[in-house]
PDB file of N, CA and C in Angstrom:
ATOM      1  N   UNK A   1       0.857  -1.194   0.000  1.00  0.00           N
ATOM      2  CA  UNK A   1       0.000   0.000   0.000  1.00  0.00           C
ATOM      3  C   UNK A   1       0.892   1.242   0.000  1.00  0.00           C
ATOM      4  N   UNK A   2       0.507   2.204  -0.829  1.00  0.00           N
ATOM      5  CA  UNK A   2       1.331   3.405  -0.974  1.00  0.00           C
ATOM      6  C   UNK A   2       1.138   4.356   0.208  1.00  0.00           C
ATOM      7  N   UNK A   3       2.187   5.098   0.493  1.00  0.00           N
ATOM      8  CA  UNK A   3       2.159   6.017   1.624  1.00  0.00           C
ATOM      9  C   UNK A   3       1.021   7.032   1.500  1.00  0.00           C
ATOM     10  N   UNK A   4       0.807   7.571   0.294  1.00  0.00           N
ATOM     11  CA  UNK A   4      -0.248   8.578   0.157  1.00  0.00           C
ATOM     12  C   UNK A   4      -1.639   7.971   0.339  1.00  0.00           C
ATOM     13  N   UNK A   5      -1.789   6.664   0.070  1.00  0.00           N
ATOM     14  CA  UNK A   5      -3.067   6.000   0.336  1.00  0.00           C
ATOM     15  C   UNK A   5      -3.310   5.878   1.840  1.00  0.00           C
ATOM     16  N   UNK A   6      -2.248   5.596   2.583  1.00  0.00           N
ATOM     17  CA  UNK A   6      -2.358   5.527   4.040  1.00  0.00           C
ATOM     18  C   UNK A   6      -2.782   6.890   4.581  1.00  0.00           C
ATOM     19  N   UNK A   7      -2.196   7.954   4.027  1.00  0.00           N
ATOM     20  CA  UNK A   7      -2.542   9.312   4.446  1.00  0.00           C
ATOM     21  C   UNK A   7      -4.005   9.611   4.132  1.00  0.00           C
ATOM     22  N   UNK A   8      -4.461   9.218   2.930  1.00  0.00           N
ATOM     23  CA  UNK A   8      -5.864   9.426   2.553  1.00  0.00           C
ATOM     24  C   UNK A   8      -6.805   8.703   3.507  1.00  0.00           C
ATOM     25  N   UNK A   9      -6.457   7.460   3.849  1.00  0.00           N
ATOM     26  CA  UNK A   9      -7.292   6.683   4.764  1.00  0.00           C
ATOM     27  C   UNK A   9      -7.316   7.323   6.151  1.00  0.00           C
ATOM     28  N   UNK A  10      -6.173   7.834   6.586  1.00  0.00           N
ATOM     29  CA  UNK A  10      -6.104   8.498   7.887  1.00  0.00           C
ATOM     30  C   UNK A  10      -6.971   9.756   7.902  1.00  0.00           C
ATOM     31  N   UNK A  11      -6.957  10.509   6.795  1.00  0.00           N
ATOM     32  CA  UNK A  11      -7.788  11.709   6.696  1.00  0.00           C
ATOM     33  C   UNK A  11      -9.271  11.352   6.697  1.00  0.00           C
ATOM     34  N   UNK A  12      -9.618  10.263   6.014  1.00  0.00           N
ATOM     35  CA  UNK A  12     -11.005   9.794   6.019  1.00  0.00           C
ATOM     36  C   UNK A  12     -11.444   9.456   7.437  1.00  0.00           C
ATOM     37  N   UNK A  13     -10.579   8.735   8.152  1.00  0.00           N
ATOM     38  CA  UNK A  13     -10.893   8.353   9.527  1.00  0.00           C
ATOM     39  C   UNK A  13     -11.098   9.582  10.396  1.00  0.00           C
ATOM     40  N   UNK A  14     -10.260  10.594  10.174  1.00  0.00           N
ATOM     41  CA  UNK A  14     -10.361  11.828  10.935  1.00  0.00           C
ATOM     42  C   UNK A  14     -11.692  12.529  10.650  1.00  0.00           C
ATOM     43  N   UNK A  15     -12.071  12.589   9.370  1.00  0.00           N
ATOM     44  CA  UNK A  15     -13.360  13.186   9.002  1.00  0.00           C
ATOM     45  C   UNK A  15     -14.513  12.415   9.633  1.00  0.00           C
ATOM     46  N   UNK A  16     -14.408  11.092   9.623  1.00  0.00           N
ATOM     47  CA  UNK A  16     -15.439  10.250  10.226  1.00  0.00           C
ATOM     48  C   UNK A  16     -15.524  10.518  11.728  1.00  0.00           C
ATOM     49  N   UNK A  17     -14.370  10.604  12.374  1.00  0.00           N
ATOM     50  CA  UNK A  17     -14.325  10.870  13.813  1.00  0.00           C
ATOM     51  C   UNK A  17     -14.904  12.243  14.148  1.00  0.00           C
ATOM     52  N   UNK A  18     -14.734  13.192  13.240  1.00  0.00           N
ATOM     53  CA  UNK A  18     -15.240  14.555  13.449  1.00  0.00           C
ATOM     54  C   UNK A  18     -16.660  14.738  12.921  1.00  0.00           C
ATOM     55  N   UNK A  19     -17.308  13.611  12.577  1.00  0.00           N
ATOM     56  CA  UNK A  19     -18.695  13.626  12.088  1.00  0.00           C
ATOM     57  C   UNK A  19     -18.874  14.389  10.784  1.00  0.00           C
ATOM     58  N   UNK A  20     -17.810  14.481   9.985  1.00  0.00           N
ATOM     59  CA  UNK A  20     -17.946  15.093   8.658  1.00  0.00           C
ATOM     60  C   UNK A  20     -18.427  14.059   7.648  1.00  0.00           C
ATOM     61  N   UNK A  21     -18.227  12.779   7.969  1.00  0.00           N
ATOM     62  CA  UNK A  21     -18.670  11.686   7.103  1.00  0.00           C
ATOM     63  C   UNK A  21     -19.549  10.743   7.911  1.00  0.00           C
ATOM     64  N   UNK A  22     -20.542  10.151   7.241  1.00  0.00           N
ATOM     65  CA  UNK A  22     -21.291   9.076   7.882  1.00  0.00           C
ATOM     66  C   UNK A  22     -20.454   7.803   7.791  1.00  0.00           C
ATOM     67  N   UNK A  23     -20.850   6.804   8.557  1.00  0.00           N
ATOM     68  CA  UNK A  23     -20.135   5.527   8.505  1.00  0.00           C
ATOM     69  C   UNK A  23     -20.153   4.965   7.087  1.00  0.00           C
ATOM     70  N   UNK A  24     -21.300   5.047   6.421  1.00  0.00           N
ATOM     71  CA  UNK A  24     -21.422   4.512   5.065  1.00  0.00           C
ATOM     72  C   UNK A  24     -20.513   5.247   4.087  1.00  0.00           C
ATOM     73  N   UNK A  25     -20.459   6.582   4.200  1.00  0.00           N
ATOM     74  CA  UNK A  25     -19.583   7.369   3.321  1.00  0.00           C
ATOM     75  C   UNK A  25     -18.121   6.997   3.560  1.00  0.00           C
ATOM     76  N   UNK A  26     -17.779   6.868   4.830  1.00  0.00           N
ATOM     77  CA  UNK A  26     -16.411   6.505   5.182  1.00  0.00           C
ATOM     78  C   UNK A  26     -16.033   5.149   4.582  1.00  0.00           C
ATOM     79  N   UNK A  27     -16.906   4.155   4.774  1.00  0.00           N
ATOM     80  CA  UNK A  27     -16.616   2.810   4.272  1.00  0.00           C
ATOM     81  C   UNK A  27     -16.525   2.788   2.754  1.00  0.00           C
ATOM     82  N   UNK A  28     -17.426   3.518   2.092  1.00  0.00           N
ATOM     83  CA  UNK A  28     -17.429   3.575   0.629  1.00  0.00           C
ATOM     84  C   UNK A  28     -16.123   4.178   0.103  1.00  0.00           C
ATOM     85  N   UNK A  29     -15.724   5.304   0.695  1.00  0.00           N
ATOM     86  CA  UNK A  29     -14.508   5.979   0.227  1.00  0.00           C
ATOM     87  C   UNK A  29     -13.257   5.165   0.539  1.00  0.00           C
ATOM     88  N   UNK A  30     -13.236   4.545   1.711  1.00  0.00           N
ATOM     89  CA  UNK A  30     -12.090   3.710   2.077  1.00  0.00           C
ATOM     90  C   UNK A  30     -11.986   2.531   1.109  1.00  0.00           C
ATOM     91  N   UNK A  31     -13.138   1.954   0.765  1.00  0.00           N
ATOM     92  CA  UNK A  31     -13.168   0.819  -0.165  1.00  0.00           C
ATOM     93  C   UNK A  31     -12.652   1.242  -1.540  1.00  0.00           C
ATOM     94  N   UNK A  32     -13.037   2.434  -1.989  1.00  0.00           N
ATOM     95  CA  UNK A  32     -12.571   2.935  -3.285  1.00  0.00           C
ATOM     96  C   UNK A  32     -11.052   3.092  -3.295  1.00  0.00           C
ATOM     97  N   UNK A  33     -10.512   3.668  -2.233  1.00  0.00           N
ATOM     98  CA  UNK A  33      -9.061   3.864  -2.142  1.00  0.00           C
ATOM     99  C   UNK A  33      -8.346   2.513  -2.190  1.00  0.00           C
ATOM    100  N   UNK A  34      -8.866   1.544  -1.444  1.00  0.00           N
ATOM    101  CA  UNK A  34      -8.228   0.228  -1.403  1.00  0.00           C
ATOM    102  C   UNK A  34      -8.370  -0.508  -2.731  1.00  0.00           C
ATOM    103  N   UNK A  35      -9.498  -0.339  -3.409  1.00  0.00           N
ATOM    104  CA  UNK A  35      -9.684  -0.975  -4.714  1.00  0.00           C
ATOM    105  C   UNK A  35      -8.733  -0.378  -5.748  1.00  0.00           C
ATOM    106  N   UNK A  36      -8.586   0.939  -5.739  1.00  0.00           N
ATOM    107  CA  UNK A  36      -7.646   1.589  -6.661  1.00  0.00           C
ATOM    108  C   UNK A  36      -6.233   1.097  -6.385  1.00  0.00           C
ATOM    109  N   UNK A  37      -5.912   0.954  -5.112  1.00  0.00           N
ATOM    110  CA  UNK A  37      -4.595   0.465  -4.708  1.00  0.00           C
ATOM    111  C   UNK A  37      -4.358  -0.931  -5.269  1.00  0.00           C
ATOM    112  N   UNK A  38      -5.350  -1.806  -5.143  1.00  0.00           N
ATOM    113  CA  UNK A  38      -5.160  -3.188  -5.595  1.00  0.00           C
ATOM    114  C   UNK A  38      -5.091  -3.282  -7.121  1.00  0.00           C
ATOM    115  N   UNK A  39      -5.694  -2.312  -7.814  1.00  0.00           N
ATOM    116  CA  UNK A  39      -5.631  -2.287  -9.274  1.00  0.00           C
ATOM    117  C   UNK A  39      -4.370  -1.588  -9.776  1.00  0.00           C
ATOM    118  N   UNK A  40      -3.690  -0.920  -8.854  1.00  0.00           N
ATOM    119  CA  UNK A  40      -2.460  -0.236  -9.218  1.00  0.00           C
ATOM    120  C   UNK A  40      -2.684   1.051  -9.982  1.00  0.00           C
ATOM    121  N   UNK A  41      -3.824   1.683  -9.759  1.00  0.00           N
ATOM    122  CA  UNK A  41      -4.143   2.941 -10.452  1.00  0.00           C
ATOM    123  C   UNK A  41      -3.288   4.063  -9.862  1.00  0.00           C
TER     124      UNK A  41
END
């Protein structure tokens, strides 16, 4: 996993913790980041 993906996931978690994202939004976005990572985009 790339360093910038880890940073993106950490920022998502922070937004979720600060109630800027719902749980569903957080999971969806995290899944997208991980899928892009596995495809090597």
